[in-house]
PDB file of all heavy atoms in Angstrom:
ATOM      1  N   SER A   1     105.641  90.421 119.749  1.00  0.00           N
ATOM      2  CA  SER A   1     105.981  89.897 121.025  1.00  0.00           C
ATOM      3  C   SER A   1     107.044  90.694 121.791  1.00  0.00           C
ATOM      4  O   SER A   1     106.987  90.786 123.043  1.00  0.00           O
ATOM      5  CB  SER A   1     106.423  88.455 120.939  1.00  0.00           C
ATOM      6  OG  SER A   1     105.440  87.645 120.342  1.00  0.00           O
ATOM      7  N   GLU A   2     107.908  91.276 121.030  1.00  0.00           N
ATOM      8  CA  GLU A   2     109.010  92.039 121.575  1.00  0.00           C
ATOM      9  C   GLU A   2     108.536  93.443 122.041  1.00  0.00           C
ATOM     10  O   GLU A   2     109.057  93.999 123.119  1.00  0.00           O
ATOM     11  CB  GLU A   2     110.147  92.136 120.532  1.00  0.00           C
ATOM     12  CG  GLU A   2     111.455  92.699 121.093  1.00  0.00           C
ATOM     13  CD  GLU A   2     112.575  92.703 120.099  1.00  0.00           C
ATOM     14  OE1 GLU A   2     112.544  93.640 119.239  1.00  0.00           O
ATOM     15  OE2 GLU A   2     113.368  91.713 120.030  1.00  0.00           O
ATOM     16  N   MET A   3     107.621  94.026 121.387  1.00  0.00           N
ATOM     17  CA  MET A   3     107.178  95.352 121.567  1.00  0.00           C
ATOM     18  C   MET A   3     106.057  95.542 122.602  1.00  0.00           C
ATOM     19  O   MET A   3     106.102  96.351 123.478  1.00  0.00           O
ATOM     20  CB  MET A   3     106.747  96.030 120.253  1.00  0.00           C
ATOM     21  CG  MET A   3     107.845  96.004 119.118  1.00  0.00           C
ATOM     22  SD  MET A   3     107.344  96.309 117.473  1.00  0.00           S
ATOM     23  CE  MET A   3     106.767  97.977 117.538  1.00  0.00           C
ATOM     24  N   LEU A   4     105.048  94.744 122.571  1.00  0.00           N
ATOM     25  CA  LEU A   4     103.912  94.776 123.399  1.00  0.00           C
ATOM     26  C   LEU A   4     104.367  94.581 124.899  1.00  0.00           C
ATOM     27  O   LEU A   4     105.111  93.685 125.301  1.00  0.00           O
ATOM     28  CB  LEU A   4     102.874  93.731 123.066  1.00  0.00           C
ATOM     29  CG  LEU A   4     101.890  94.138 122.015  1.00  0.00           C
ATOM     30  CD1 LEU A   4     100.954  92.993 121.637  1.00  0.00           C
ATOM     31  CD2 LEU A   4     100.982  95.351 122.535  1.00  0.00           C
ATOM     32  N   GLY A   5     103.891  95.514 125.779  1.00  0.00           N
ATOM     33  CA  GLY A   5     104.210  95.432 127.145  1.00  0.00           C
ATOM     34  C   GLY A   5     105.461  96.140 127.612  1.00  0.00           C
ATOM     35  O   GLY A   5     105.755  96.373 128.825  1.00  0.00           O
ATOM     36  N   ASN A   6     106.291  96.494 126.532  1.00  0.00           N
ATOM     37  CA  ASN A   6     107.514  97.178 126.913  1.00  0.00           C
ATOM     38  C   ASN A   6     107.335  98.717 126.901  1.00  0.00           C
ATOM     39  O   ASN A   6     106.402  99.260 126.356  1.00  0.00           O
ATOM     40  CB  ASN A   6     108.674  96.755 126.013  1.00  0.00           C
ATOM     41  CG  ASN A   6     109.220  95.358 126.390  1.00  0.00           C
ATOM     42  OD1 ASN A   6     109.134  94.943 127.573  1.00  0.00           O
ATOM     43  ND2 ASN A   6     109.790  94.642 125.454  1.00  0.00           N
ATOM     44  N   THR A   7     108.453  99.400 127.415  1.00  0.00           N
ATOM     45  CA  THR A   7     108.289 100.838 127.511  1.00  0.00           C
ATOM     46  C   THR A   7     109.105 101.528 126.439  1.00  0.00           C
ATOM     47  O   THR A   7     110.231 101.385 126.292  1.00  0.00           O
ATOM     48  CB  THR A   7     108.850 101.277 128.980  1.00  0.00           C
ATOM     49  OG1 THR A   7     108.291 100.516 129.918  1.00  0.00           O
ATOM     50  CG2 THR A   7     108.645 102.827 129.170  1.00  0.00           C
ATOM     51  N   LEU A   8     108.402 102.358 125.597  1.00  0.00           N
ATOM     52  CA  LEU A   8     108.995 103.062 124.558  1.00  0.00           C
ATOM     53  C   LEU A   8     109.364 104.446 125.056  1.00  0.00           C
ATOM     54  O   LEU A   8     108.472 105.186 125.422  1.00  0.00           O
ATOM     55  CB  LEU A   8     108.062 103.084 123.329  1.00  0.00           C
ATOM     56  CG  LEU A   8     108.483 103.784 122.043  1.00  0.00           C
ATOM     57  CD1 LEU A   8     109.804 103.092 121.531  1.00  0.00           C
ATOM     58  CD2 LEU A   8     107.402 103.784 120.990  1.00  0.00           C
ATOM     59  N   VAL A   9     110.574 104.909 124.800  1.00  0.00           N
ATOM     60  CA  VAL A   9     111.092 106.214 125.113  1.00  0.00           C
ATOM     61  C   VAL A   9     111.365 106.996 123.849  1.00  0.00           C
ATOM     62  O   VAL A   9     112.086 106.570 123.022  1.00  0.00           O
ATOM     63  CB  VAL A   9     112.337 106.118 125.999  1.00  0.00           C
ATOM     64  CG1 VAL A   9     112.765 107.558 126.378  1.00  0.00           C
ATOM     65  CG2 VAL A   9     112.081 105.352 127.228  1.00  0.00           C
ATOM     66  N   THR A  10     110.618 108.128 123.747  1.00  0.00           N
ATOM     67  CA  THR A  10     110.894 108.993 122.513  1.00  0.00           C
ATOM     68  C   THR A  10     111.167 110.480 123.045  1.00  0.00           C
ATOM     69  O   THR A  10     111.140 110.664 124.244  1.00  0.00           O
ATOM     70  CB  THR A  10     109.600 109.046 121.636  1.00  0.00           C
ATOM     71  OG1 THR A  10     108.618 109.827 122.210  1.00  0.00           O
ATOM     72  CG2 THR A  10     109.100 107.643 121.353  1.00  0.00           C
ATOM     73  N   LYS A  11     111.455 111.276 122.150  1.00  0.00           N
ATOM     74  CA  LYS A  11     111.654 112.742 122.472  1.00  0.00           C
ATOM     75  C   LYS A  11     110.540 113.309 123.136  1.00  0.00           C
ATOM     76  O   LYS A  11     110.621 114.234 123.979  1.00  0.00           O
ATOM     77  CB  LYS A  11     112.005 113.417 121.240  1.00  0.00           C
ATOM     78  CG  LYS A  11     113.463 113.326 120.646  1.00  0.00           C
ATOM     79  CD  LYS A  11     113.701 114.229 119.502  1.00  0.00           C
ATOM     80  CE  LYS A  11     115.159 114.056 118.973  1.00  0.00           C
ATOM     81  NZ  LYS A  11     115.428 114.964 117.823  1.00  0.00           N
ATOM     82  N   GLN A  12     109.293 112.843 122.903  1.00  0.00           N
ATOM     83  CA  GLN A  12     108.164 113.389 123.442  1.00  0.00           C
ATOM     84  C   GLN A  12     107.627 112.826 124.709  1.00  0.00           C
ATOM     85  O   GLN A  12     106.832 113.404 125.447  1.00  0.00           O
ATOM     86  CB  GLN A  12     106.945 113.498 122.419  1.00  0.00           C
ATOM     87  CG  GLN A  12     107.283 114.373 121.198  1.00  0.00           C
ATOM     88  CD  GLN A  12     106.094 114.432 120.359  1.00  0.00           C
ATOM     89  OE1 GLN A  12     104.967 114.086 120.627  1.00  0.00           O
ATOM     90  NE2 GLN A  12     106.294 114.980 119.080  1.00  0.00           N
ATOM     91  N   THR A  13     108.090 111.624 125.068  1.00  0.00           N
ATOM     92  CA  THR A  13     107.608 110.923 126.224  1.00  0.00           C
ATOM     93  C   THR A  13     108.430 111.351 127.414  1.00  0.00           C
ATOM     94  O   THR A  13     108.001 111.187 128.599  1.00  0.00           O
ATOM     95  CB  THR A  13     107.755 109.442 126.160  1.00  0.00           C
ATOM     96  OG1 THR A  13     109.104 109.014 125.992  1.00  0.00           O
ATOM     97  CG2 THR A  13     107.039 108.876 125.011  1.00  0.00           C
ATOM     98  N   GLY A  14     109.620 111.813 127.238  1.00  0.00           N
ATOM     99  CA  GLY A  14     110.605 112.064 128.319  1.00  0.00           C
ATOM    100  C   GLY A  14     111.261 110.715 128.663  1.00  0.00           C
ATOM    101  O   GLY A  14     110.849 109.604 128.200  1.00  0.00           O
ATOM    102  N   PRO A  15     112.126 110.746 129.722  1.00  0.00           N
ATOM    103  CA  PRO A  15     112.855 109.574 129.994  1.00  0.00           C
ATOM    104  C   PRO A  15     112.045 108.424 130.591  1.00  0.00           C
ATOM    105  O   PRO A  15     112.405 107.274 130.554  1.00  0.00           O
ATOM    106  CB  PRO A  15     113.901 110.082 131.056  1.00  0.00           C
ATOM    107  CG  PRO A  15     113.349 111.355 131.561  1.00  0.00           C
ATOM    108  CD  PRO A  15     112.520 111.908 130.401  1.00  0.00           C
ATOM    109  N   ALA A  16     110.863 108.822 131.150  1.00  0.00           N
ATOM    110  CA  ALA A  16     109.977 107.692 131.729  1.00  0.00           C
ATOM    111  C   ALA A  16     109.408 106.866 130.692  1.00  0.00           C
ATOM    112  O   ALA A  16     109.221 105.681 130.885  1.00  0.00           O
ATOM    113  CB  ALA A  16     108.898 108.378 132.566  1.00  0.00           C
ATOM    114  N   GLY A  17     109.199 107.409 129.537  1.00  0.00           N
ATOM    115  CA  GLY A  17     108.675 106.612 128.352  1.00  0.00           C
ATOM    116  C   GLY A  17     107.160 106.220 128.614  1.00  0.00           C
ATOM    117  O   GLY A  17     106.493 106.679 129.576  1.00  0.00           O
ATOM    118  N   LYS A  18     106.602 105.489 127.644  1.00  0.00           N
ATOM    119  CA  LYS A  18     105.129 105.007 127.709  1.00  0.00           C
ATOM    120  C   LYS A  18     105.112 103.478 127.437  1.00  0.00           C
ATOM    121  O   LYS A  18     105.708 103.087 126.504  1.00  0.00           O
ATOM    122  CB  LYS A  18     104.252 105.843 126.715  1.00  0.00           C
ATOM    123  CG  LYS A  18     103.860 107.257 127.265  1.00  0.00           C
ATOM    124  CD  LYS A  18     103.041 107.821 126.317  1.00  0.00           C
ATOM    125  CE  LYS A  18     102.395 109.133 126.797  1.00  0.00           C
ATOM    126  NZ  LYS A  18     101.409 109.053 127.863  1.00  0.00           N
ATOM    127  N   GLN A  19     104.415 102.798 128.222  1.00  0.00           N
ATOM    128  CA  GLN A  19     104.203 101.359 127.899  1.00  0.00           C
ATOM    129  C   GLN A  19     103.342 101.242 126.719  1.00  0.00           C
ATOM    130  O   GLN A  19     102.383 101.769 126.571  1.00  0.00           O
ATOM    131  CB  GLN A  19     103.511 100.721 129.157  1.00  0.00           C
ATOM    132  CG  GLN A  19     103.542  99.135 128.938  1.00  0.00           C
ATOM    133  CD  GLN A  19     102.908  98.461 130.124  1.00  0.00           C
ATOM    134  OE1 GLN A  19     101.811  98.732 130.559  1.00  0.00           O
ATOM    135  NE2 GLN A  19     103.625  97.588 130.756  1.00  0.00           N
ATOM    136  N   VAL A  20     103.761 100.290 125.857  1.00  0.00           N
ATOM    137  CA  VAL A  20     103.094  99.974 124.604  1.00  0.00           C
ATOM    138  C   VAL A  20     102.017  98.870 124.813  1.00  0.00           C
ATOM    139  O   VAL A  20     102.434  97.780 125.091  1.00  0.00           O
ATOM    140  CB  VAL A  20     104.005  99.545 123.498  1.00  0.00           C
ATOM    141  CG1 VAL A  20     103.270  99.118 122.235  1.00  0.00           C
ATOM    142  CG2 VAL A  20     104.970 100.689 123.125  1.00  0.00           C
ATOM    143  N   ASN A  21     100.749  99.241 124.817  1.00  0.00           N
ATOM    144  CA  ASN A  21      99.745  98.309 125.140  1.00  0.00           C
ATOM    145  C   ASN A  21      98.962  97.964 123.899  1.00  0.00           C
ATOM    146  O   ASN A  21      98.121  97.007 123.893  1.00  0.00           O
ATOM    147  CB  ASN A  21      98.726  98.917 126.152  1.00  0.00           C
ATOM    148  CG  ASN A  21      99.421  99.200 127.455  1.00  0.00           C
ATOM    149  OD1 ASN A  21     100.166  98.324 127.988  1.00  0.00           O
ATOM    150  ND2 ASN A  21      99.126 100.365 127.972  1.00  0.00           N
ATOM    151  N   ARG A  22      99.162  98.686 122.768  1.00  0.00           N
ATOM    152  CA  ARG A  22      98.509  98.376 121.465  1.00  0.00           C
ATOM    153  C   ARG A  22      99.500  98.476 120.380  1.00  0.00           C
ATOM    154  O   ARG A  22     100.423  99.360 120.467  1.00  0.00           O
ATOM    155  CB  ARG A  22      97.390  99.307 121.260  1.00  0.00           C
ATOM    156  CG  ARG A  22      96.392  99.477 122.500  1.00  0.00           C
ATOM    157  CD  ARG A  22      95.297 100.433 122.104  1.00  0.00           C
ATOM    158  NE  ARG A  22      94.540 100.794 123.325  1.00  0.00           N
ATOM    159  CZ  ARG A  22      93.289 101.278 123.346  1.00  0.00           C
ATOM    160  NH1 ARG A  22      92.756 101.543 122.148  1.00  0.00           N
ATOM    161  NH2 ARG A  22      92.615 101.499 124.442  1.00  0.00           N
ATOM    162  N   LEU A  23      99.392  97.676 119.363  1.00  0.00           N
ATOM    163  CA  LEU A  23     100.196  97.832 118.071  1.00  0.00           C
ATOM    164  C   LEU A  23      99.090  97.964 116.901  1.00  0.00           C
ATOM    165  O   LEU A  23      97.995  97.446 117.012  1.00  0.00           O
ATOM    166  CB  LEU A  23     100.975  96.559 117.939  1.00  0.00           C
ATOM    167  CG  LEU A  23     102.126  96.289 118.947  1.00  0.00           C
ATOM    168  CD1 LEU A  23     102.770  94.921 118.609  1.00  0.00           C
ATOM    169  CD2 LEU A  23     103.224  97.366 118.920  1.00  0.00           C
ATOM    170  N   TYR A  24      99.699  98.556 115.825  1.00  0.00           N
ATOM    171  CA  TYR A  24      98.906  98.578 114.656  1.00  0.00           C
ATOM    172  C   TYR A  24      99.758  97.788 113.620  1.00  0.00           C
ATOM    173  O   TYR A  24     100.806  98.311 113.237  1.00  0.00           O
ATOM    174  CB  TYR A  24      98.673 100.025 114.234  1.00  0.00           C
ATOM    175  CG  TYR A  24      97.666 100.221 113.138  1.00  0.00           C
ATOM    176  CD1 TYR A  24      96.386  99.518 113.098  1.00  0.00           C
ATOM    177  CD2 TYR A  24      97.869 101.228 112.135  1.00  0.00           C
ATOM    178  CE1 TYR A  24      95.522  99.705 112.100  1.00  0.00           C
ATOM    179  CE2 TYR A  24      96.964 101.321 111.122  1.00  0.00           C
ATOM    180  CZ  TYR A  24      95.774 100.670 111.166  1.00  0.00           C
ATOM    181  OH  TYR A  24      94.803 100.787 110.111  1.00  0.00           O
ATOM    182  N   ILE A  25      99.129  96.759 113.185  1.00  0.00           N
ATOM    183  CA  ILE A  25      99.778  95.937 111.988  1.00  0.00           C
ATOM    184  C   ILE A  25      99.254  96.547 110.717  1.00  0.00           C
ATOM    185  O   ILE A  25      98.027  96.293 110.431  1.00  0.00           O
ATOM    186  CB  ILE A  25      99.579  94.485 112.180  1.00  0.00           C
ATOM    187  CG1 ILE A  25      99.763  93.928 113.613  1.00  0.00           C
ATOM    188  CG2 ILE A  25     100.366  93.678 111.133  1.00  0.00           C
ATOM    189  CD1 ILE A  25     101.225  94.209 114.177  1.00  0.00           C
ATOM    190  N   GLU A  26     100.110  97.090 109.875  1.00  0.00           N
ATOM    191  CA  GLU A  26      99.635  97.772 108.707  1.00  0.00           C
ATOM    192  C   GLU A  26     100.281  97.254 107.435  1.00  0.00           C
ATOM    193  O   GLU A  26     101.453  96.793 107.492  1.00  0.00           O
ATOM    194  CB  GLU A  26      99.968  99.352 108.880  1.00  0.00           C
ATOM    195  CG  GLU A  26      99.369 100.186 107.805  1.00  0.00           C
ATOM    196  CD  GLU A  26      99.535 101.667 108.098  1.00  0.00           C
ATOM    197  OE1 GLU A  26     100.736 102.080 108.080  1.00  0.00           O
ATOM    198  OE2 GLU A  26      98.549 102.441 108.308  1.00  0.00           O
ATOM    199  N   ASP A  27      99.526  97.319 106.356  1.00  0.00           N
ATOM    200  CA  ASP A  27     100.023  96.851 105.111  1.00  0.00           C
ATOM    201  C   ASP A  27     101.169  97.863 104.649  1.00  0.00           C
ATOM    202  O   ASP A  27     101.056  99.153 104.732  1.00  0.00           O
ATOM    203  CB  ASP A  27      98.940  96.837 104.084  1.00  0.00           C
ATOM    204  CG  ASP A  27      99.314  96.077 102.825  1.00  0.00           C
ATOM    205  OD1 ASP A  27     100.087  95.246 102.915  1.00  0.00           O
ATOM    206  OD2 ASP A  27      98.763  96.477 101.748  1.00  0.00           O
ATOM    207  N   GLY A  28     102.251  97.377 104.110  1.00  0.00           N
ATOM    208  CA  GLY A  28     103.340  98.286 103.614  1.00  0.00           C
ATOM    209  C   GLY A  28     102.919  98.966 102.456  1.00  0.00           C
ATOM    210  O   GLY A  28     101.926  98.801 101.853  1.00  0.00           O
ATOM    211  N   ALA A  29     103.730 100.094 102.130  1.00  0.00           N
ATOM    212  CA  ALA A  29     103.338 101.042 101.033  1.00  0.00           C
ATOM    213  C   ALA A  29     104.576 101.210 100.189  1.00  0.00           C
ATOM    214  O   ALA A  29     105.747 101.327 100.734  1.00  0.00           O
ATOM    215  CB  ALA A  29     102.831 102.321 101.484  1.00  0.00           C
ATOM    216  N   ASP A  30     104.429 101.415  98.901  1.00  0.00           N
ATOM    217  CA  ASP A  30     105.504 101.724  97.929  1.00  0.00           C
ATOM    218  C   ASP A  30     105.569 103.269  97.914  1.00  0.00           C
ATOM    219  O   ASP A  30     104.926 103.923  97.155  1.00  0.00           O
ATOM    220  CB  ASP A  30     105.136 101.112  96.540  1.00  0.00           C
ATOM    221  CG  ASP A  30     106.164 101.559  95.481  1.00  0.00           C
ATOM    222  OD1 ASP A  30     107.370 101.840  95.875  1.00  0.00           O
ATOM    223  OD2 ASP A  30     105.801 101.448  94.329  1.00  0.00           O
ATOM    224  N   ILE A  31     106.547 103.783  98.604  1.00  0.00           N
ATOM    225  CA  ILE A  31     106.598 105.285  98.889  1.00  0.00           C
ATOM    226  C   ILE A  31     107.653 105.908  97.846  1.00  0.00           C
ATOM    227  O   ILE A  31     108.799 105.463  97.791  1.00  0.00           O
ATOM    228  CB  ILE A  31     107.154 105.586 100.263  1.00  0.00           C
ATOM    229  CG1 ILE A  31     106.170 105.037 101.297  1.00  0.00           C
ATOM    230  CG2 ILE A  31     107.188 107.087 100.463  1.00  0.00           C
ATOM    231  CD1 ILE A  31     106.521 105.047 102.805  1.00  0.00           C
ATOM    232  N   ALA A  32     107.119 106.898  97.095  1.00  0.00           N
ATOM    233  CA  ALA A  32     108.020 107.638  96.189  1.00  0.00           C
ATOM    234  C   ALA A  32     108.470 108.933  96.830  1.00  0.00           C
ATOM    235  O   ALA A  32     109.654 109.308  96.653  1.00  0.00           O
ATOM    236  CB  ALA A  32     107.268 107.877  94.868  1.00  0.00           C
ATOM    237  N   ARG A  33     107.589 109.597  97.547  1.00  0.00           N
ATOM    238  CA  ARG A  33     107.916 110.893  98.178  1.00  0.00           C
ATOM    239  C   ARG A  33     107.195 110.986  99.497  1.00  0.00           C
ATOM    240  O   ARG A  33     106.150 110.552  99.617  1.00  0.00           O
ATOM    241  CB  ARG A  33     107.487 112.106  97.275  1.00  0.00           C
ATOM    242  CG  ARG A  33     108.284 112.272  96.051  1.00  0.00           C
ATOM    243  CD  ARG A  33     107.613 113.464  95.312  1.00  0.00           C
ATOM    244  NE  ARG A  33     107.655 114.747  96.092  1.00  0.00           N
ATOM    245  CZ  ARG A  33     106.869 115.753  95.866  1.00  0.00           C
ATOM    246  NH1 ARG A  33     105.826 115.619  94.990  1.00  0.00           N
ATOM    247  NH2 ARG A  33     107.008 116.868  96.617  1.00  0.00           N
ATOM    248  N   GLU A  34     107.884 111.527 100.500  1.00  0.00           N
ATOM    249  CA  GLU A  34     107.234 111.863 101.805  1.00  0.00           C
ATOM    250  C   GLU A  34     107.054 113.343 102.036  1.00  0.00           C
ATOM    251  O   GLU A  34     107.968 114.115 101.888  1.00  0.00           O
ATOM    252  CB  GLU A  34     108.129 111.304 102.988  1.00  0.00           C
ATOM    253  CG  GLU A  34     108.241 109.765 102.994  1.00  0.00           C
ATOM    254  CD  GLU A  34     108.980 109.245 104.191  1.00  0.00           C
ATOM    255  OE1 GLU A  34     109.518 110.102 104.958  1.00  0.00           O
ATOM    256  OE2 GLU A  34     108.813 108.027 104.499  1.00  0.00           O
ATOM    257  N   LEU A  35     105.814 113.638 102.297  1.00  0.00           N
ATOM    258  CA  LEU A  35     105.450 115.080 102.554  1.00  0.00           C
ATOM    259  C   LEU A  35     104.979 115.237 104.005  1.00  0.00           C
ATOM    260  O   LEU A  35     104.655 114.264 104.707  1.00  0.00           O
ATOM    261  CB  LEU A  35     104.312 115.524 101.543  1.00  0.00           C
ATOM    262  CG  LEU A  35     104.602 115.088 100.017  1.00  0.00           C
ATOM    263  CD1 LEU A  35     103.329 115.321  99.249  1.00  0.00           C
ATOM    264  CD2 LEU A  35     105.779 115.867  99.514  1.00  0.00           C
ATOM    265  N   TYR A  36     104.772 116.495 104.338  1.00  0.00           N
ATOM    266  CA  TYR A  36     104.150 116.841 105.655  1.00  0.00           C
ATOM    267  C   TYR A  36     102.993 117.696 105.499  1.00  0.00           C
ATOM    268  O   TYR A  36     102.928 118.585 104.681  1.00  0.00           O
ATOM    269  CB  TYR A  36     105.248 117.530 106.473  1.00  0.00           C
ATOM    270  CG  TYR A  36     104.696 118.027 107.803  1.00  0.00           C
ATOM    271  CD1 TYR A  36     104.691 117.218 108.939  1.00  0.00           C
ATOM    272  CD2 TYR A  36     104.087 119.341 107.988  1.00  0.00           C
ATOM    273  CE1 TYR A  36     104.184 117.611 110.138  1.00  0.00           C
ATOM    274  CE2 TYR A  36     103.560 119.673 109.236  1.00  0.00           C
ATOM    275  CZ  TYR A  36     103.641 118.839 110.264  1.00  0.00           C
ATOM    276  OH  TYR A  36     103.097 119.260 111.403  1.00  0.00           O
TER     277      TYR A  36
END
């Protein structure tokens, strides 16, 4: 409820940001290592 419809500003969006119109509700994960 807090996120949908609001404007998210990141390093890649610039100061204008982007409105969040969709969310992805995902199952959590037991993370041991993060790779790229």
